[in-house]
Amino acid sequence: MEWEVVIGLETHVQLSTKSKIFSGASAAFGAEPNTHACPIDLALPGCLPVLNREAVEKAIRFGLAINAKVANRSVFDRKHYFYPDLPKAYQISQFEHPVVIGGELTIQVENPDGTTYAKTVHLTRAHLEEDAGKSVHGIVHGKTGIDLNRAGTPLLEIVSEPEMRSSAEAVAYARALHELVTWIGVSDGDMQKGNFRCDANVSVRPKGQKEFGTRCEIKNLNSFKFLQAAIDYEVRRQIELISEGGKVVQATRLYDPDNDETREMRTKEDSMDYRYFPDPDLQPLEISDEWIDEVRATMPELPGAALNRLIQEYGINEADAIQLTSHRPLTVYFETAAANVKDKKAVANWIRGEVLAKLNAAELTIEESPVSAEQVGQILNRMSDGTLNQKGARTVFSAIWEKKGDNVDALIETLGLKQISDTGAIEAAIDAVLAANPKMVAEFKSGKEKAFNALVGQTMRATKGKANPAQVNEILRAKLAQ
């Protein structure tokens, strides 16, 4: 039997506000346990929530970015469930009347053969809510500690339609969503801190069947690798279970990366189990059209528009543009570096090659690069005017990276990297190489092209790598043709 996979994602995005969604306590990460928890977060009697305006503006910004309807009126509800790190025994969330309705996100999905296709995933909603605290196991043997620093941090829960049909599509969607929320500045998207995490709803059905199969929800996937692995395992599990005559039970499951498997956490609740009702301590959220227009006026250029503009304005190819618009600071870095460089493609190549390789090896972001975009532009200009060759450019780049200097021209002089472009000097070096290597000359003249490359290498060594490679090639070919 052929099977079809049905996947929908619920993504929890922590909004990058300074304070929590309903209290003035800090939303910063990394403090000692329970030092960022105020009476409201602790649910002490008589404490009332006050909505954070900045969290609302970030929700509006996201709604505009996905071309959704931003509701003029939305309602906060109480979602009841008991868990040790939820002091109120309910979570303030939104249910029937969310702040963002609909919207869509176009993704690029890679096939196993390396080709790609575009797909538009529609979103059901995005709603504001507070996060719960964190249970900490193992600090005291046999006991669990409760850290309420995260309790009350602002979340935007983004719910997709169940339109994805493979783990590859789910990962492409999650990556595109991560790129978007960081690009527009609503979240830092730090997955290691739990600021961007996905719940995957997965079911299978015989191909051609219209009705959905019974779904299972895999909770708290905080890496793209784990998201794909968890979905792939769950698909296999469900297909094998049904094929052997069993039935899938609707449940919440957790992914164990050590054993590459999902395990049942609890049977899945439905909405009626949470006993939703409007929170009497919070007025309905009223968002005027004027407020929406104010937020719209501050919106940055979106990734898709930036990608098309880079291709058109800078003449770079689509692959370069896709990578350079994967992160907004990277786009800014490229455009700053390319501002005064004639060969824009060379800038794209250098950033995708030298810069990102160094950053990845050092586990740094583009914002943390020791070499500025302006310095990259200066290095490339010295290559284009013949002052530096490729090797010399890399040496200058490494010197700046290692804080041996910050002035490109001064480093070229100090390190003796100025390229030899004097025709006479290059001719003299080539003449000496030809005289010393008659066998290579004979091999080239008999049709062995590799001999030419060997003679170029000998010339570069003779000039200590300083000769202009283009001139070496041109003069050497002319001399060998005589």
Protein backbone atom coordinates (compact mmCIF):
# COMPACT_ATOMS: atom_id res chain seq x y z
CA MET A 1 0.00 0.00 0.00
CA GLU A 2 1.17 3.52 -0.79
CA TRP A 3 0.97 5.97 2.09
CA GLU A 4 0.64 9.72 2.30
CA VAL A 5 2.12 11.67 5.18
CA VAL A 6 0.20 14.61 6.66
CA ILE A 7 2.14 17.12 8.77
CA GLY A 8 1.18 20.33 10.50
CA LEU A 9 3.49 22.38 12.71
CA GLU A 10 2.78 24.45 15.79
CA THR A 11 5.75 26.72 16.36
CA HIS A 12 6.40 28.57 19.60
CA VAL A 13 8.39 31.74 19.00
CA GLN A 14 9.61 33.67 22.03
CA LEU A 15 9.21 37.36 21.30
CA SER A 16 12.27 39.51 21.89
CA THR A 17 10.80 41.87 24.48
CA LYS A 18 12.71 43.08 27.54
CA SER A 19 9.92 42.17 29.94
CA LYS A 20 7.35 39.40 30.13
CA ILE A 21 3.97 39.45 28.44
CA PHE A 22 1.86 40.15 31.54
CA SER A 23 4.41 41.43 34.08
CA GLY A 24 7.38 43.76 34.34
CA ALA A 25 9.82 40.97 35.21
CA SER A 26 12.83 40.55 32.94
CA ALA A 27 12.50 38.11 30.03
CA ALA A 28 16.30 37.76 29.76
CA PHE A 29 17.82 34.28 29.55
CA GLY A 30 20.46 32.74 31.79
CA ALA A 31 19.82 34.21 35.24
CA GLU A 32 19.93 32.17 38.43
CA PRO A 33 16.70 30.17 38.94
CA ASN A 34 13.68 32.17 40.08
CA THR A 35 15.46 35.53 40.06
CA HIS A 36 13.35 36.79 37.12
CA ALA A 37 10.01 35.83 38.62
CA CYS A 38 7.77 38.46 40.20
CA PRO A 39 4.51 38.02 42.18
CA ILE A 40 2.48 37.94 38.95
CA ASP A 41 4.63 35.11 37.56
CA LEU A 42 4.34 33.27 40.87
CA ALA A 43 0.52 33.62 40.75
CA LEU A 44 0.34 35.13 44.21
CA PRO A 45 -3.23 36.04 45.26
CA GLY A 46 -4.43 39.47 44.15
CA CYS A 47 -1.84 39.93 41.38
CA LEU A 48 -3.33 40.99 38.05
CA PRO A 49 -1.78 40.69 34.56
CA VAL A 50 -1.00 43.76 32.44
CA LEU A 51 -0.47 43.21 28.70
CA ASN A 52 2.91 44.12 27.17
CA ARG A 53 2.34 46.52 24.25
CA GLU A 54 5.60 45.57 22.53
CA ALA A 55 4.55 41.91 22.37
CA VAL A 56 1.37 42.96 20.58
CA GLU A 57 3.32 45.08 18.08
CA LYS A 58 5.58 42.12 17.29
CA ALA A 59 2.50 39.96 16.66
CA ILE A 60 1.13 42.63 14.31
CA ARG A 61 4.48 42.77 12.52
CA PHE A 62 4.43 39.02 11.97
CA GLY A 63 0.86 39.12 10.69
CA LEU A 64 1.79 41.77 8.13
CA ALA A 65 4.86 39.78 7.03
CA ILE A 66 2.78 36.70 6.14
CA ASN A 67 -0.04 38.72 4.52
CA ALA A 68 -2.51 37.64 7.21
CA LYS A 69 -5.47 39.41 8.75
CA VAL A 70 -4.56 41.21 11.96
CA ALA A 71 -7.68 41.04 14.10
CA ASN A 72 -9.02 44.37 15.30
CA ARG A 73 -10.39 42.50 18.32
CA SER A 74 -8.89 39.41 19.94
CA VAL A 75 -9.48 37.76 23.30
CA PHE A 76 -7.24 36.21 25.94
CA ASP A 77 -8.42 32.93 27.43
CA ARG A 78 -7.48 30.69 30.30
CA LYS A 79 -6.22 27.29 29.18
CA HIS A 80 -6.44 24.97 32.18
CA TYR A 81 -4.05 22.14 32.89
CA PHE A 82 -1.97 21.11 35.86
CA TYR A 83 1.78 20.97 35.68
CA PRO A 84 4.28 21.76 38.48
CA ASP A 85 5.90 24.66 36.60
CA LEU A 86 2.56 26.36 35.85
CA PRO A 87 1.79 28.16 39.14
CA LYS A 88 -1.73 29.35 38.22
CA ALA A 89 -2.76 25.88 36.95
CA TYR A 90 -3.81 27.66 33.76
CA GLN A 91 -2.00 29.40 30.94
CA ILE A 92 -3.13 32.72 29.52
CA SER A 93 -3.47 32.12 25.79
CA GLN A 94 -5.86 32.86 22.91
CA PHE A 95 -8.30 30.36 21.50
CA GLU A 96 -11.38 31.31 19.47
CA HIS A 97 -10.27 34.87 18.74
CA PRO A 98 -6.51 34.98 17.93
CA VAL A 99 -4.60 38.15 17.07
CA VAL A 100 -3.44 36.87 13.63
CA ILE A 101 -5.71 34.94 11.27
CA GLY A 102 -4.59 33.12 8.12
CA GLY A 103 -1.53 34.05 6.11
CA GLU A 104 0.90 32.03 4.02
CA LEU A 105 4.58 31.24 3.62
CA THR A 106 6.26 30.14 0.40
CA ILE A 107 9.08 27.67 0.91
CA GLN A 108 11.79 26.09 -1.25
CA VAL A 109 12.04 22.33 -0.78
CA GLU A 110 15.02 20.27 -1.89
CA ASN A 111 14.43 16.92 -3.59
CA PRO A 112 16.74 13.95 -2.95
CA ASP A 113 18.37 14.58 -6.35
CA GLY A 114 19.29 18.15 -5.41
CA THR A 115 16.59 19.89 -7.44
CA THR A 116 14.15 22.18 -5.66
CA TYR A 117 10.49 23.08 -5.88
CA ALA A 118 8.40 25.88 -4.40
CA LYS A 119 5.40 25.27 -2.17
CA THR A 120 3.06 27.64 -0.38
CA VAL A 121 2.05 26.59 3.13
CA HIS A 122 -1.03 28.28 4.53
CA LEU A 123 -1.21 29.29 8.17
CA THR A 124 -4.27 28.85 10.33
CA ARG A 125 -3.46 31.44 12.96
CA ALA A 126 -0.90 32.95 15.27
CA HIS A 127 -1.82 33.79 18.83
CA LEU A 128 -0.19 35.39 21.83
CA GLU A 129 0.36 33.46 25.04
CA GLU A 130 2.64 33.14 28.04
CA ASP A 131 5.26 30.43 28.46
CA ALA A 132 5.36 28.06 31.41
CA GLY A 133 8.30 27.61 33.76
CA LYS A 134 10.83 24.81 33.61
CA SER A 135 11.17 21.61 35.60
CA VAL A 136 14.82 20.90 36.42
CA HIS A 137 15.71 17.28 37.11
CA GLY A 138 18.82 15.84 38.69
CA ILE A 139 20.28 18.74 40.66
CA VAL A 140 19.09 17.10 43.88
CA HIS A 141 18.94 13.31 43.71
CA GLY A 142 15.39 12.05 43.48
CA LYS A 143 13.87 15.51 43.36
CA THR A 144 12.71 17.99 40.72
CA GLY A 145 13.33 21.72 40.99
CA ILE A 146 11.10 24.39 39.48
CA ASP A 147 12.61 27.43 37.74
CA LEU A 148 10.02 30.12 37.00
CA ASN A 149 12.33 32.52 35.16
CA ARG A 150 10.71 31.50 31.86
CA ALA A 151 7.16 31.62 33.26
CA GLY A 152 5.35 34.49 31.59
CA THR A 153 7.82 35.09 28.76
CA PRO A 154 5.90 36.18 25.66
CA LEU A 155 5.23 33.58 22.97
CA LEU A 156 3.68 33.79 19.55
CA GLU A 157 2.31 30.35 18.69
CA ILE A 158 2.16 29.96 14.91
CA VAL A 159 -0.08 27.17 13.61
CA SER A 160 0.17 25.86 10.06
CA GLU A 161 -2.46 24.02 8.08
CA PRO A 162 -1.70 20.26 7.76
CA GLU A 163 -0.36 20.76 4.23
CA MET A 164 3.15 19.35 4.45
CA ARG A 165 3.69 15.91 2.98
CA SER A 166 7.24 15.03 4.00
CA SER A 167 9.80 15.76 6.68
CA ALA A 168 11.75 17.72 4.05
CA GLU A 169 8.78 20.06 3.55
CA ALA A 170 8.35 20.44 7.31
CA VAL A 171 12.01 21.37 7.77
CA ALA A 172 11.91 23.78 4.82
CA TYR A 173 8.84 25.45 6.36
CA ALA A 174 10.45 25.65 9.81
CA ARG A 175 13.64 27.13 8.32
CA ALA A 176 11.68 29.71 6.32
CA LEU A 177 9.64 30.64 9.40
CA HIS A 178 12.80 30.94 11.50
CA GLU A 179 14.38 33.15 8.85
CA LEU A 180 11.29 35.37 8.73
CA VAL A 181 10.84 35.94 12.49
CA THR A 182 14.52 36.79 12.94
CA TRP A 183 14.57 38.92 9.76
CA ILE A 184 11.67 41.14 10.88
CA GLY A 185 13.05 41.37 14.42
CA VAL A 186 10.25 39.75 16.41
CA SER A 187 12.54 37.06 17.89
CA ASP A 188 16.21 36.16 18.10
CA GLY A 189 15.21 32.60 17.13
CA ASP A 190 17.85 31.05 19.41
CA MET A 191 16.88 27.38 19.29
CA GLN A 192 19.38 26.30 21.94
CA LYS A 193 17.64 28.59 24.43
CA GLY A 194 14.21 27.31 23.40
CA ASN A 195 13.24 30.60 21.76
CA PHE A 196 12.10 28.80 18.60
CA ARG A 197 10.69 25.31 19.00
CA CYS A 198 8.24 23.20 17.06
CA ASP A 199 5.51 20.70 17.86
CA ALA A 200 4.91 18.39 14.88
CA ASN A 201 1.47 16.85 14.30
CA VAL A 202 2.03 13.73 12.21
CA SER A 203 -0.40 11.24 10.69
CA VAL A 204 -0.46 8.85 7.76
CA ARG A 205 -3.25 7.70 5.44
CA PRO A 206 -3.55 5.46 2.39
CA LYS A 207 -2.77 7.46 -0.73
CA GLY A 208 -5.97 8.83 -2.23
CA GLN A 209 -7.93 8.78 1.04
CA LYS A 210 -9.48 12.16 1.91
CA GLU A 211 -9.95 11.62 5.63
CA PHE A 212 -6.97 12.30 7.87
CA GLY A 213 -5.47 9.50 9.91
CA THR A 214 -5.11 9.68 13.70
CA ARG A 215 -2.38 12.15 14.52
CA CYS A 216 0.31 12.17 17.16
CA GLU A 217 1.98 15.35 18.36
CA ILE A 218 5.75 15.37 18.89
CA LYS A 219 6.57 18.11 21.39
CA ASN A 220 9.39 20.62 21.78
CA LEU A 221 11.67 19.95 18.82
CA ASN A 222 14.37 22.61 19.05
CA SER A 223 16.58 21.75 16.08
CA PHE A 224 15.90 21.23 12.39
CA LYS A 225 17.84 17.96 12.50
CA PHE A 226 15.71 16.59 15.35
CA LEU A 227 12.52 17.82 13.63
CA GLN A 228 13.31 15.79 10.50
CA ALA A 229 14.48 12.71 12.41
CA ALA A 230 11.45 12.73 14.73
CA ILE A 231 8.98 12.99 11.85
CA ASP A 232 10.71 10.26 9.84
CA TYR A 233 10.67 7.91 12.83
CA GLU A 234 7.02 8.65 13.65
CA VAL A 235 5.95 8.05 10.04
CA ARG A 236 7.69 4.66 10.04
CA ARG A 237 6.18 3.77 13.40
CA GLN A 238 2.63 4.58 12.35
CA ILE A 239 2.87 2.78 9.00
CA GLU A 240 4.30 -0.35 10.64
CA LEU A 241 1.65 -0.25 13.36
CA ILE A 242 -1.26 0.03 10.93
CA SER A 243 0.24 -2.53 8.54
CA GLU A 244 0.41 -5.05 11.39
CA GLY A 245 -3.29 -4.53 12.22
CA GLY A 246 -2.84 -2.06 15.06
CA LYS A 247 -4.32 1.40 15.53
CA VAL A 248 -2.62 4.72 16.11
CA VAL A 249 -3.69 6.28 19.41
CA GLN A 250 -3.84 10.06 19.53
CA ALA A 251 -1.06 11.02 21.91
CA THR A 252 1.62 13.51 22.79
CA ARG A 253 5.08 12.09 22.22
CA LEU A 254 8.65 13.18 22.89
CA TYR A 255 11.64 12.58 20.62
CA ASP A 256 14.67 10.85 22.14
CA PRO A 257 17.69 11.78 19.97
CA ASP A 258 19.99 9.32 21.73
CA ASN A 259 17.87 6.37 20.60
CA ASP A 260 16.34 8.10 17.55
CA GLU A 261 12.77 7.29 18.55
CA THR A 262 9.59 8.93 19.77
CA ARG A 263 8.04 7.85 23.07
CA GLU A 264 4.54 8.38 24.40
CA MET A 265 4.32 11.14 27.00
CA ARG A 266 0.55 11.21 27.55
CA THR A 267 -2.65 10.60 25.64
CA LYS A 268 -3.53 13.72 23.68
CA GLU A 269 -6.02 16.17 25.10
CA ASP A 270 -8.61 17.89 22.94
CA SER A 271 -9.59 21.53 23.32
CA MET A 272 -12.56 20.72 25.59
CA ASP A 273 -10.16 19.15 28.10
CA TYR A 274 -8.51 22.52 28.66
CA ARG A 275 -11.79 24.22 29.68
CA TYR A 276 -11.04 27.42 27.79
CA PHE A 277 -12.92 30.55 28.83
CA PRO A 278 -12.13 34.29 28.45
CA ASP A 279 -9.77 35.57 31.11
CA PRO A 280 -11.81 37.93 33.31
CA ASP A 281 -8.67 39.84 34.36
CA LEU A 282 -7.86 40.99 30.80
CA GLN A 283 -9.93 43.17 28.53
CA PRO A 284 -10.31 42.10 24.88
CA LEU A 285 -7.33 43.32 22.86
CA GLU A 286 -8.40 46.15 20.56
CA ILE A 287 -6.07 46.93 17.64
CA SER A 288 -6.99 49.93 15.52
CA ASP A 289 -6.28 50.22 11.80
CA GLU A 290 -4.12 53.22 12.65
CA TRP A 291 -1.96 51.11 14.94
CA ILE A 292 -1.57 48.47 12.22
CA ASP A 293 -0.56 51.20 9.74
CA GLU A 294 2.03 52.52 12.21
CA VAL A 295 3.61 49.07 12.47
CA ARG A 296 3.44 48.61 8.69
CA ALA A 297 5.43 51.82 8.24
CA THR A 298 8.31 50.32 10.26
CA MET A 299 8.42 46.99 8.40
CA PRO A 300 11.75 46.08 6.78
CA GLU A 301 12.07 44.71 3.27
CA LEU A 302 11.04 41.05 3.43
CA PRO A 303 13.38 38.19 2.49
CA GLY A 304 11.67 37.35 -0.82
CA ALA A 305 11.79 40.95 -2.00
CA ALA A 306 15.43 41.25 -0.90
CA LEU A 307 16.35 38.07 -2.79
CA ASN A 308 14.84 39.36 -6.05
CA ARG A 309 16.44 42.77 -5.59
CA LEU A 310 19.92 41.32 -5.04
CA ILE A 311 19.62 39.29 -8.24
CA GLN A 312 18.45 42.30 -10.25
CA GLU A 313 20.62 45.05 -8.75
CA TYR A 314 23.85 43.13 -8.19
CA GLY A 315 23.70 40.59 -11.01
CA ILE A 316 24.41 37.64 -8.72
CA ASN A 317 22.88 34.22 -9.28
CA GLU A 318 19.93 32.78 -7.39
CA ALA A 319 22.02 30.39 -5.26
CA ASP A 320 24.15 33.30 -4.02
CA ALA A 321 21.09 35.44 -3.38
CA ILE A 322 19.30 32.68 -1.45
CA GLN A 323 22.22 32.24 0.94
CA LEU A 324 22.89 35.97 1.29
CA THR A 325 19.25 36.63 2.23
CA SER A 326 19.02 33.74 4.70
CA HIS A 327 19.78 36.16 7.54
CA ARG A 328 19.18 39.90 7.44
CA PRO A 329 22.54 40.92 8.98
CA LEU A 330 24.25 38.80 6.28
CA THR A 331 22.37 40.75 3.58
CA VAL A 332 23.46 44.03 5.16
CA TYR A 333 27.06 42.76 5.35
CA PHE A 334 27.05 41.84 1.66
CA GLU A 335 25.55 45.14 0.51
CA THR A 336 28.00 47.11 2.66
CA ALA A 337 30.98 45.16 1.29
CA ALA A 338 29.73 45.50 -2.30
CA ALA A 339 28.97 49.22 -2.08
CA ASN A 340 32.30 50.33 -3.59
CA VAL A 341 33.37 47.15 -5.39
CA LYS A 342 32.78 46.86 -9.12
CA ASP A 343 32.63 43.05 -9.28
CA LYS A 344 29.60 42.22 -7.12
CA LYS A 345 29.84 38.51 -7.95
CA ALA A 346 33.35 38.46 -6.47
CA VAL A 347 31.94 39.93 -3.24
CA ALA A 348 29.26 37.22 -3.10
CA ASN A 349 31.84 34.50 -3.72
CA TRP A 350 34.21 35.87 -1.08
CA ILE A 351 31.52 36.13 1.59
CA ARG A 352 30.04 32.69 0.82
CA GLY A 353 33.55 31.22 0.76
CA GLU A 354 36.18 32.90 2.91
CA VAL A 355 33.97 34.80 5.36
CA LEU A 356 31.33 32.17 6.15
CA ALA A 357 33.92 29.36 6.29
CA LYS A 358 35.88 31.26 8.94
CA LEU A 359 32.74 32.15 10.89
CA ASN A 360 31.41 28.58 10.83
CA ALA A 361 34.76 27.17 11.97
CA ALA A 362 34.87 29.67 14.85
CA GLU A 363 31.13 29.24 15.60
CA LEU A 364 30.54 32.96 15.20
CA THR A 365 27.66 34.85 13.61
CA ILE A 366 28.10 37.43 10.86
CA GLU A 367 27.44 40.14 13.45
CA GLU A 368 30.47 38.87 15.39
CA SER A 369 32.85 38.82 12.43
CA PRO A 370 36.28 40.26 13.34
CA VAL A 371 36.60 41.46 9.72
CA SER A 372 34.14 44.20 8.82
CA ALA A 373 32.20 44.38 5.57
CA GLU A 374 34.10 47.56 4.67
CA GLN A 375 37.43 45.74 5.10
CA VAL A 376 36.25 42.91 2.84
CA GLY A 377 35.36 45.51 0.21
CA GLN A 378 38.82 47.08 0.51
CA ILE A 379 40.54 43.68 0.14
CA LEU A 380 38.56 42.92 -3.01
CA ASN A 381 39.35 46.34 -4.48
CA ARG A 382 43.06 45.63 -3.95
CA MET A 383 42.59 42.38 -5.83
CA SER A 384 40.81 44.05 -8.73
CA ASP A 385 43.45 46.81 -9.09
CA GLY A 386 46.25 44.23 -9.14
CA THR A 387 47.76 45.07 -5.74
CA LEU A 388 46.85 41.68 -4.22
CA ASN A 389 46.52 38.20 -5.63
CA GLN A 390 44.15 35.61 -4.15
CA LYS A 391 46.73 34.23 -1.73
CA GLY A 392 47.73 37.69 -0.55
CA ALA A 393 44.08 38.64 -0.06
CA ARG A 394 43.56 35.61 2.17
CA THR A 395 46.68 36.55 4.15
CA VAL A 396 45.38 40.09 4.77
CA PHE A 397 41.95 38.73 5.72
CA SER A 398 43.54 36.32 8.24
CA ALA A 399 45.74 39.07 9.66
CA ILE A 400 42.72 41.28 10.34
CA TRP A 401 40.84 38.31 11.77
CA GLU A 402 43.73 37.60 14.14
CA LYS A 403 43.86 41.30 15.15
CA LYS A 404 47.33 41.90 13.68
CA GLY A 405 46.05 45.14 12.16
CA ASP A 406 42.94 46.74 10.77
CA ASN A 407 44.23 48.85 7.87
CA VAL A 408 44.24 46.86 4.61
CA ASP A 409 46.85 48.96 2.79
CA ALA A 410 49.15 49.12 5.80
CA LEU A 411 49.02 45.34 6.19
CA ILE A 412 49.85 44.84 2.51
CA GLU A 413 53.00 46.89 2.99
CA THR A 414 53.94 45.43 6.37
CA LEU A 415 53.51 41.84 5.23
CA GLY A 416 55.18 42.43 1.86
CA LEU A 417 52.19 41.23 -0.10
CA LYS A 418 52.11 43.76 -2.90
CA GLN A 419 51.68 41.87 -6.13
CA ILE A 420 54.34 42.15 -8.85
CA SER A 421 52.65 43.58 -11.93
CA ASP A 422 55.80 44.94 -13.57
CA THR A 423 55.98 43.24 -16.97
CA GLY A 424 59.75 43.33 -17.10
CA ALA A 425 60.17 41.65 -13.72
CA ILE A 426 57.66 38.92 -14.62
CA GLU A 427 59.34 38.33 -18.00
CA ALA A 428 62.72 37.96 -16.31
CA ALA A 429 61.33 35.40 -13.86
CA ILE A 430 59.65 33.44 -16.68
CA ASP A 431 62.86 33.44 -18.77
CA ALA A 432 64.76 31.97 -15.82
CA VAL A 433 62.11 29.28 -15.28
CA LEU A 434 62.05 28.32 -18.98
CA ALA A 435 65.84 28.07 -19.08
CA ALA A 436 65.87 25.85 -15.99
CA ASN A 437 63.07 23.53 -17.17
CA PRO A 438 63.66 22.54 -20.81
CA LYS A 439 61.90 19.19 -20.27
CA MET A 440 58.66 20.88 -19.19
CA VAL A 441 58.88 23.21 -22.18
CA ALA A 442 59.24 20.22 -24.52
CA GLU A 443 56.30 18.43 -22.88
CA PHE A 444 54.08 21.47 -23.32
CA LYS A 445 55.03 21.84 -26.97
CA SER A 446 54.16 18.16 -27.49
CA GLY A 447 50.61 18.87 -26.27
CA LYS A 448 50.75 18.23 -22.53
CA GLU A 449 48.77 21.09 -20.96
CA LYS A 450 49.74 20.00 -17.44
CA ALA A 451 53.28 21.11 -18.21
CA PHE A 452 52.01 24.68 -18.64
CA ASN A 453 50.46 24.64 -15.16
CA ALA A 454 53.73 23.33 -13.76
CA LEU A 455 55.64 26.22 -15.37
CA VAL A 456 53.15 28.70 -13.93
CA GLY A 457 53.73 27.15 -10.50
CA GLN A 458 57.49 27.43 -10.90
CA THR A 459 57.15 31.11 -11.83
CA MET A 460 54.94 31.84 -8.83
CA ARG A 461 57.44 30.14 -6.55
CA ALA A 462 60.27 32.11 -8.11
CA THR A 463 58.43 35.35 -7.34
CA LYS A 464 57.42 34.11 -3.84
CA GLY A 465 53.78 34.13 -4.91
CA LYS A 466 53.77 37.86 -5.63
CA ALA A 467 53.51 37.81 -9.42
CA ASN A 468 50.19 38.73 -10.99
CA PRO A 469 48.79 35.31 -12.04
CA ALA A 470 46.89 36.71 -15.03
CA GLN A 471 50.05 38.38 -16.37
CA VAL A 472 52.11 35.25 -15.72
CA ASN A 473 49.68 33.17 -17.78
CA GLU A 474 49.56 35.69 -20.62
CA ILE A 475 53.34 36.28 -20.89
CA LEU A 476 54.20 32.60 -20.46
CA ARG A 477 51.86 31.51 -23.26
CA ALA A 478 53.28 34.20 -25.53
CA LYS A 479 56.85 33.07 -24.87
CA LEU A 480 56.03 29.37 -25.38
CA ALA A 481 54.37 30.20 -28.70
CA GLN A 482 57.58 31.72 -30.06
